[in-house]
Amino acid sequence: MNDMEAVLKKHPRAGRDALIPILQEVQESQGYLSREAVTRISKHLNLPAAKIYGVATFYNQFRFQPKGKYHFTVCRGTACHVKGSNRVLEMAQKMLKLKPGQTSRDRLFSLETVACMGACGLSPVMNLNGEFYAKVTPQKLVKIIQECRETESKNGH
């Protein structure tokens, strides 16, 4: 039994009220919500796929593409915004050639924004694969991305 079926099996005869927990569990097991996953959830809950997409796109916790090996999250909270997170985000978009919510074709990089990371005293803040970076500048970000690319070239990618 695959992960998807295991999640759905935990929610027999589930109704609309189980949608968000099911979406969360599927994303946890698969890393994102694939088109196939949404279709399967739709059948399980007897809800239109459009309704499921409507709910899932309302909450920024859900993603529809897999994360990249290097997953960049830029904080867009008020303190980070005031301290220049927009310039950091613009540099990330330029260097990675991605918009928030996208993953590179080679699945090496992904980029997302969040409303707040709760580290306002360290703003602007960025997270890379769970590691926080404080007082990030566009220049600091360039170095971080270059280090990721150097690591990949050493690994033969």
C-alpha atoms as a PDB file:
ATOM      1  CA  MET A   1       0.000   0.000   0.000  1.00  0.00           C
ATOM      2  CA  ASN A   2       1.443   3.389  -0.930  1.00  0.00           C
ATOM      3  CA  ASP A   3       1.628   6.396   1.413  1.00  0.00           C
ATOM      4  CA  MET A   4      -1.445   7.981  -0.144  1.00  0.00           C
ATOM      5  CA  GLU A   5      -3.636   4.931   0.456  1.00  0.00           C
ATOM      6  CA  ALA A   6      -2.273   4.599   4.003  1.00  0.00           C
ATOM      7  CA  VAL A   7      -3.357   8.176   4.759  1.00  0.00           C
ATOM      8  CA  LEU A   8      -6.816   7.642   3.281  1.00  0.00           C
ATOM      9  CA  LYS A   9      -7.231   4.357   5.132  1.00  0.00           C
ATOM     10  CA  LYS A  10      -6.798   6.297   8.407  1.00  0.00           C
ATOM     11  CA  HIS A  11      -9.860   8.358   7.394  1.00  0.00           C
ATOM     12  CA  PRO A  12     -12.577   5.842   6.461  1.00  0.00           C
ATOM     13  CA  ARG A  13     -15.971   7.345   5.606  1.00  0.00           C
ATOM     14  CA  ALA A  14     -14.412  10.790   6.020  1.00  0.00           C
ATOM     15  CA  GLY A  15     -16.343  13.884   5.087  1.00  0.00           C
ATOM     16  CA  ARG A  16     -15.481  17.430   4.155  1.00  0.00           C
ATOM     17  CA  ASP A  17     -14.340  18.120   7.756  1.00  0.00           C
ATOM     18  CA  ALA A  18     -11.385  15.744   7.225  1.00  0.00           C
ATOM     19  CA  LEU A  19     -10.116  17.548   4.115  1.00  0.00           C
ATOM     20  CA  ILE A  20      -7.423  19.708   5.735  1.00  0.00           C
ATOM     21  CA  PRO A  21      -5.996  16.932   7.935  1.00  0.00           C
ATOM     22  CA  ILE A  22      -5.892  14.625   4.898  1.00  0.00           C
ATOM     23  CA  LEU A  23      -4.172  17.302   2.784  1.00  0.00           C
ATOM     24  CA  GLN A  24      -1.639  17.875   5.563  1.00  0.00           C
ATOM     25  CA  GLU A  25      -0.898  14.162   5.956  1.00  0.00           C
ATOM     26  CA  VAL A  26      -0.568  13.572   2.208  1.00  0.00           C
ATOM     27  CA  GLN A  27       1.776  16.538   1.852  1.00  0.00           C
ATOM     28  CA  GLU A  28       3.794  15.314   4.836  1.00  0.00           C
ATOM     29  CA  SER A  29       4.204  11.875   3.277  1.00  0.00           C
ATOM     30  CA  GLN A  30       4.767  12.990  -0.340  1.00  0.00           C
ATOM     31  CA  GLY A  31       6.334  16.412   0.137  1.00  0.00           C
ATOM     32  CA  TYR A  32       3.645  18.178  -1.902  1.00  0.00           C
ATOM     33  CA  LEU A  33       0.129  17.740  -3.288  1.00  0.00           C
ATOM     34  CA  SER A  34       0.344  16.199  -6.732  1.00  0.00           C
ATOM     35  CA  ARG A  35      -2.504  16.338  -9.246  1.00  0.00           C
ATOM     36  CA  GLU A  36      -2.942  12.593  -8.730  1.00  0.00           C
ATOM     37  CA  ALA A  37      -3.185  13.061  -4.968  1.00  0.00           C
ATOM     38  CA  VAL A  38      -5.872  15.728  -5.312  1.00  0.00           C
ATOM     39  CA  THR A  39      -7.834  13.469  -7.695  1.00  0.00           C
ATOM     40  CA  ARG A  40      -7.580  10.526  -5.293  1.00  0.00           C
ATOM     41  CA  ILE A  41      -8.636  12.675  -2.293  1.00  0.00           C
ATOM     42  CA  SER A  42     -11.526  13.989  -4.397  1.00  0.00           C
ATOM     43  CA  LYS A  43     -12.788  10.437  -4.990  1.00  0.00           C
ATOM     44  CA  HIS A  44     -12.264   9.421  -1.356  1.00  0.00           C
ATOM     45  CA  LEU A  45     -14.212  12.401   0.021  1.00  0.00           C
ATOM     46  CA  ASN A  46     -16.685  12.571  -2.858  1.00  0.00           C
ATOM     47  CA  LEU A  47     -15.818  16.240  -3.383  1.00  0.00           C
ATOM     48  CA  PRO A  48     -14.996  17.964  -6.676  1.00  0.00           C
ATOM     49  CA  ALA A  49     -11.253  18.395  -7.268  1.00  0.00           C
ATOM     50  CA  ALA A  50     -11.892  22.121  -7.857  1.00  0.00           C
ATOM     51  CA  LYS A  51     -13.254  22.411  -4.304  1.00  0.00           C
ATOM     52  CA  ILE A  52     -10.132  20.694  -2.940  1.00  0.00           C
ATOM     53  CA  TYR A  53      -7.850  23.021  -4.927  1.00  0.00           C
ATOM     54  CA  GLY A  54      -9.895  25.975  -3.658  1.00  0.00           C
ATOM     55  CA  VAL A  55      -9.296  25.002  -0.045  1.00  0.00           C
ATOM     56  CA  ALA A  56      -5.643  24.030  -0.572  1.00  0.00           C
ATOM     57  CA  THR A  57      -4.736  27.245  -2.411  1.00  0.00           C
ATOM     58  CA  PHE A  58      -6.360  29.335   0.333  1.00  0.00           C
ATOM     59  CA  TYR A  59      -3.781  28.111   2.861  1.00  0.00           C
ATOM     60  CA  ASN A  60      -0.129  28.892   2.099  1.00  0.00           C
ATOM     61  CA  GLN A  61       1.020  25.753   3.936  1.00  0.00           C
ATOM     62  CA  PHE A  62       0.167  23.623   0.899  1.00  0.00           C
ATOM     63  CA  ARG A  63       2.428  23.283  -2.128  1.00  0.00           C
ATOM     64  CA  PHE A  64       1.714  21.781  -5.514  1.00  0.00           C
ATOM     65  CA  GLN A  65       5.303  21.181  -6.591  1.00  0.00           C
ATOM     66  CA  PRO A  66       7.963  19.161  -4.791  1.00  0.00           C
ATOM     67  CA  LYS A  67      10.566  21.080  -2.813  1.00  0.00           C
ATOM     68  CA  GLY A  68      13.991  21.442  -4.351  1.00  0.00           C
ATOM     69  CA  LYS A  69      17.103  19.966  -2.769  1.00  0.00           C
ATOM     70  CA  TYR A  70      17.833  23.538  -1.646  1.00  0.00           C
ATOM     71  CA  HIS A  71      14.553  25.026  -0.411  1.00  0.00           C
ATOM     72  CA  PHE A  72      14.745  28.777   0.216  1.00  0.00           C
ATOM     73  CA  THR A  73      12.066  30.450   2.328  1.00  0.00           C
ATOM     74  CA  VAL A  74      12.083  34.241   2.555  1.00  0.00           C
ATOM     75  CA  CYS A  75      10.191  35.967   5.358  1.00  0.00           C
ATOM     76  CA  ARG A  76       7.844  38.742   4.243  1.00  0.00           C
ATOM     77  CA  GLY A  77       6.700  39.840   7.695  1.00  0.00           C
ATOM     78  CA  THR A  78       6.554  43.520   8.598  1.00  0.00           C
ATOM     79  CA  ALA A  79       9.937  43.685  10.372  1.00  0.00           C
ATOM     80  CA  CYS A  80      11.658  41.778   7.559  1.00  0.00           C
ATOM     81  CA  HIS A  81       9.949  43.908   4.927  1.00  0.00           C
ATOM     82  CA  VAL A  82      11.064  47.123   6.624  1.00  0.00           C
ATOM     83  CA  LYS A  83      14.642  45.784   6.836  1.00  0.00           C
ATOM     84  CA  GLY A  84      14.760  44.879   3.111  1.00  0.00           C
ATOM     85  CA  SER A  85      13.457  41.348   2.594  1.00  0.00           C
ATOM     86  CA  ASN A  86      11.950  42.477  -0.713  1.00  0.00           C
ATOM     87  CA  ARG A  87      15.464  43.074  -2.106  1.00  0.00           C
ATOM     88  CA  VAL A  88      16.503  39.627  -0.835  1.00  0.00           C
ATOM     89  CA  LEU A  89      13.462  38.061  -2.508  1.00  0.00           C
ATOM     90  CA  GLU A  90      14.155  39.906  -5.775  1.00  0.00           C
ATOM     91  CA  MET A  91      17.758  38.660  -5.749  1.00  0.00           C
ATOM     92  CA  ALA A  92      16.597  35.095  -5.063  1.00  0.00           C
ATOM     93  CA  GLN A  93      14.155  35.285  -7.966  1.00  0.00           C
ATOM     94  CA  LYS A  94      16.838  36.677 -10.263  1.00  0.00           C
ATOM     95  CA  MET A  95      19.547  34.151  -9.332  1.00  0.00           C
ATOM     96  CA  LEU A  96      17.318  31.099  -9.124  1.00  0.00           C
ATOM     97  CA  LYS A  97      15.080  32.145 -12.031  1.00  0.00           C
ATOM     98  CA  LEU A  98      12.061  31.195  -9.925  1.00  0.00           C
ATOM     99  CA  LYS A  99       8.984  32.867  -8.552  1.00  0.00           C
ATOM    100  CA  PRO A 100       7.752  32.020  -5.032  1.00  0.00           C
ATOM    101  CA  GLY A 101       6.065  28.628  -5.073  1.00  0.00           C
ATOM    102  CA  GLN A 102       8.199  27.289  -7.922  1.00  0.00           C
ATOM    103  CA  THR A 103      10.809  24.547  -8.119  1.00  0.00           C
ATOM    104  CA  SER A 104      13.562  24.410 -10.743  1.00  0.00           C
ATOM    105  CA  ARG A 105      13.185  21.709 -13.412  1.00  0.00           C
ATOM    106  CA  ASP A 106      16.216  19.859 -12.094  1.00  0.00           C
ATOM    107  CA  ARG A 107      14.585  19.980  -8.617  1.00  0.00           C
ATOM    108  CA  LEU A 108      17.722  21.537  -7.223  1.00  0.00           C
ATOM    109  CA  PHE A 109      16.162  24.817  -6.011  1.00  0.00           C
ATOM    110  CA  SER A 110      12.771  25.918  -4.770  1.00  0.00           C
ATOM    111  CA  LEU A 111      11.598  29.257  -3.437  1.00  0.00           C
ATOM    112  CA  GLU A 112       8.744  30.287  -1.210  1.00  0.00           C
ATOM    113  CA  THR A 113       7.716  33.196   0.949  1.00  0.00           C
ATOM    114  CA  VAL A 114       6.021  33.107   4.328  1.00  0.00           C
ATOM    115  CA  ALA A 115       4.110  35.778   6.222  1.00  0.00           C
ATOM    116  CA  CYS A 116       6.348  35.580   9.299  1.00  0.00           C
ATOM    117  CA  MET A 117       9.036  33.295  10.710  1.00  0.00           C
ATOM    118  CA  GLY A 118       8.817  34.728  14.220  1.00  0.00           C
ATOM    119  CA  ALA A 119      12.434  35.901  14.296  1.00  0.00           C
ATOM    120  CA  CYS A 120      11.718  39.604  13.885  1.00  0.00           C
ATOM    121  CA  GLY A 121      14.739  40.740  15.906  1.00  0.00           C
ATOM    122  CA  LEU A 122      17.006  39.062  13.334  1.00  0.00           C
ATOM    123  CA  SER A 123      15.318  40.551  10.271  1.00  0.00           C
ATOM    124  CA  PRO A 124      15.482  40.139   7.414  1.00  0.00           C
ATOM    125  CA  VAL A 125      15.367  36.375   7.891  1.00  0.00           C
ATOM    126  CA  MET A 126      15.669  33.547   5.402  1.00  0.00           C
ATOM    127  CA  ASN A 127      15.536  29.797   5.874  1.00  0.00           C
ATOM    128  CA  LEU A 128      17.401  27.241   3.785  1.00  0.00           C
ATOM    129  CA  ASN A 129      16.399  23.613   4.427  1.00  0.00           C
ATOM    130  CA  GLY A 130      15.534  24.359   8.047  1.00  0.00           C
ATOM    131  CA  GLU A 131      18.598  26.502   8.791  1.00  0.00           C
ATOM    132  CA  PHE A 132      17.884  30.138   9.626  1.00  0.00           C
ATOM    133  CA  TYR A 133      19.978  33.009   8.286  1.00  0.00           C
ATOM    134  CA  ALA A 134      19.755  36.352  10.088  1.00  0.00           C
ATOM    135  CA  LYS A 135      20.185  39.878   8.728  1.00  0.00           C
ATOM    136  CA  VAL A 136      20.277  38.578   5.150  1.00  0.00           C
ATOM    137  CA  THR A 137      21.331  41.009   2.447  1.00  0.00           C
ATOM    138  CA  PRO A 138      21.181  40.408  -1.303  1.00  0.00           C
ATOM    139  CA  GLN A 139      24.993  40.013  -1.222  1.00  0.00           C
ATOM    140  CA  LYS A 140      24.811  37.421   1.568  1.00  0.00           C
ATOM    141  CA  LEU A 141      22.165  35.541  -0.415  1.00  0.00           C
ATOM    142  CA  VAL A 142      24.374  35.512  -3.534  1.00  0.00           C
ATOM    143  CA  LYS A 143      27.136  33.825  -1.492  1.00  0.00           C
ATOM    144  CA  ILE A 144      24.715  31.251  -0.077  1.00  0.00           C
ATOM    145  CA  ILE A 145      23.396  30.333  -3.532  1.00  0.00           C
ATOM    146  CA  GLN A 146      26.931  30.168  -4.943  1.00  0.00           C
ATOM    147  CA  GLU A 147      27.929  27.798  -2.112  1.00  0.00           C
ATOM    148  CA  CYS A 148      24.971  25.534  -2.982  1.00  0.00           C
ATOM    149  CA  ARG A 149      25.996  25.509  -6.640  1.00  0.00           C
ATOM    150  CA  GLU A 150      29.648  24.815  -5.750  1.00  0.00           C
ATOM    151  CA  THR A 151      28.596  21.903  -3.552  1.00  0.00           C
ATOM    152  CA  GLU A 152      26.591  20.485  -6.449  1.00  0.00           C
ATOM    153  CA  SER A 153      29.435  20.873  -8.946  1.00  0.00           C
ATOM    154  CA  LYS A 154      31.794  19.060  -6.530  1.00  0.00           C
ATOM    155  CA  ASN A 155      29.210  16.265  -6.302  1.00  0.00           C
ATOM    156  CA  GLY A 156      29.177  15.971 -10.081  1.00  0.00           C
ATOM    157  CA  HIS A 157      25.789  17.575 -10.757  1.00  0.00           C
END
